[in-house]
């Protein structure tokens, strides 16, 4: 499978930024950082015994190329959905690809 076929979803990477307000405080907002190709697939939520559970946040797995300048923390926008990053796993020694465990924020 070619990388072009493998990474068929366009996602927006967002970085958390602090915006100063006039009262001396600040607010945390998500700002667009970069757009990347990825593969997005549904994950599964299971109890330790293997039983599937229903949750208010849906698990999602994102496969993408590693980039050393990815922000921390970050979240993704995909097809109008917000994907909160939970964990990142490097897939090989060269770290060319990463797997990102996410949850879709369901309101």
Protein backbone atom coordinates (compact mmCIF):
# COMPACT_ATOMS: atom_id res chain seq x y z
CA UNK A 1 0.00 0.00 0.00
CA UNK A 2 1.45 3.37 -0.95
CA UNK A 3 1.78 6.15 1.59
CA UNK A 4 -0.57 8.26 -0.55
CA UNK A 5 -3.35 5.65 -0.20
CA UNK A 6 -2.48 4.92 3.41
CA UNK A 7 -2.70 8.60 4.48
CA UNK A 8 -5.97 9.58 2.85
CA UNK A 9 -7.49 11.95 5.43
CA UNK A 10 -6.58 15.63 5.73
CA UNK A 11 -6.51 16.81 9.36
CA UNK A 12 -5.73 20.13 11.02
CA UNK A 13 -3.24 20.05 13.89
CA UNK A 14 -4.04 22.65 16.53
CA UNK A 15 -1.76 23.99 19.26
CA UNK A 16 -2.87 25.45 22.58
CA UNK A 17 -1.99 29.13 22.82
CA UNK A 18 -2.32 31.57 25.70
CA UNK A 19 -3.95 34.92 24.93
CA UNK A 20 -3.40 37.75 27.42
CA UNK A 21 -6.47 39.70 28.46
CA UNK A 22 -6.77 43.30 29.64
CA UNK A 23 -7.23 42.23 33.27
CA UNK A 24 -3.74 40.74 33.53
CA UNK A 25 -4.89 37.14 33.09
CA UNK A 26 -4.89 34.87 30.09
CA UNK A 27 -7.14 32.47 28.22
CA UNK A 28 -6.11 29.19 26.60
CA UNK A 29 -7.35 28.81 23.02
CA UNK A 30 -6.72 26.27 20.25
CA UNK A 31 -5.10 27.77 17.14
CA UNK A 32 -4.44 26.11 13.77
CA UNK A 33 -0.82 24.94 13.57
CA UNK A 34 -0.58 22.95 10.33
CA UNK A 35 -2.56 20.71 8.00
CA UNK A 36 -1.28 17.13 7.48
CA UNK A 37 -2.25 13.91 5.72
CA UNK A 38 -3.22 11.07 8.07
CA UNK A 39 -5.35 7.96 8.35
CA UNK A 40 -8.17 8.24 10.86
CA UNK A 41 -9.96 5.13 12.10
CA UNK A 42 -12.37 4.38 14.93
CA UNK A 43 -10.92 2.95 18.11
CA UNK A 44 -12.61 0.70 20.65
CA UNK A 45 -13.43 1.33 24.27
CA UNK A 46 -13.37 -1.88 26.31
CA UNK A 47 -13.52 -2.86 29.95
CA UNK A 48 -10.58 -4.93 31.24
CA UNK A 49 -12.68 -8.09 30.74
CA UNK A 50 -13.05 -7.30 27.02
CA UNK A 51 -16.65 -6.07 27.22
CA UNK A 52 -17.37 -3.05 24.98
CA UNK A 53 -18.61 0.06 26.81
CA UNK A 54 -20.38 3.25 25.76
CA UNK A 55 -18.75 6.55 26.66
CA UNK A 56 -19.30 10.26 26.14
CA UNK A 57 -15.99 10.45 24.25
CA UNK A 58 -15.45 8.16 21.25
CA UNK A 59 -11.99 6.58 20.83
CA UNK A 60 -10.21 7.39 17.55
CA UNK A 61 -6.80 6.32 16.22
CA UNK A 62 -4.78 8.63 13.94
CA UNK A 63 -1.79 7.39 11.91
CA UNK A 64 0.48 10.12 10.56
CA UNK A 65 4.07 11.03 9.73
CA UNK A 66 6.21 12.14 12.65
CA UNK A 67 7.39 15.76 12.63
CA UNK A 68 9.77 17.09 15.30
CA UNK A 69 7.94 20.42 15.47
CA UNK A 70 4.52 19.02 16.43
CA UNK A 71 3.12 21.11 19.29
CA UNK A 72 2.62 19.81 22.82
CA UNK A 73 -0.19 19.86 23.75
CA UNK A 74 -2.12 19.43 20.51
CA UNK A 75 -5.50 18.35 19.22
CA UNK A 76 -6.84 17.59 15.75
CA UNK A 77 -9.79 18.81 13.70
CA UNK A 78 -11.12 16.22 11.27
CA UNK A 79 -14.37 16.50 9.29
CA UNK A 80 -15.67 19.10 11.74
CA UNK A 81 -14.87 16.93 14.76
CA UNK A 82 -12.47 17.71 17.61
CA UNK A 83 -10.05 14.88 18.42
CA UNK A 84 -8.31 15.27 21.80
CA UNK A 85 -4.83 13.66 21.86
CA UNK A 86 -4.33 11.15 24.68
CA UNK A 87 -1.09 9.35 23.76
CA UNK A 88 1.48 9.18 20.96
CA UNK A 89 3.34 6.02 19.96
CA UNK A 90 6.30 5.92 17.57
CA UNK A 91 5.93 2.97 15.20
CA UNK A 92 9.54 2.27 14.23
CA UNK A 93 13.14 3.03 15.14
CA UNK A 94 13.37 5.85 12.61
CA UNK A 95 10.12 7.29 13.99
CA UNK A 96 8.88 8.04 10.47
CA UNK A 97 5.28 7.20 11.42
CA UNK A 98 3.38 7.69 14.67
CA UNK A 99 0.09 6.36 16.00
CA UNK A 100 -1.92 8.86 18.04
CA UNK A 101 -4.59 7.65 20.46
CA UNK A 102 -7.38 10.23 20.57
CA UNK A 103 -10.91 10.69 21.75
CA UNK A 104 -13.59 12.53 19.83
CA UNK A 105 -15.10 15.17 22.03
CA UNK A 106 -18.84 14.52 22.05
CA UNK A 107 -21.00 17.32 23.40
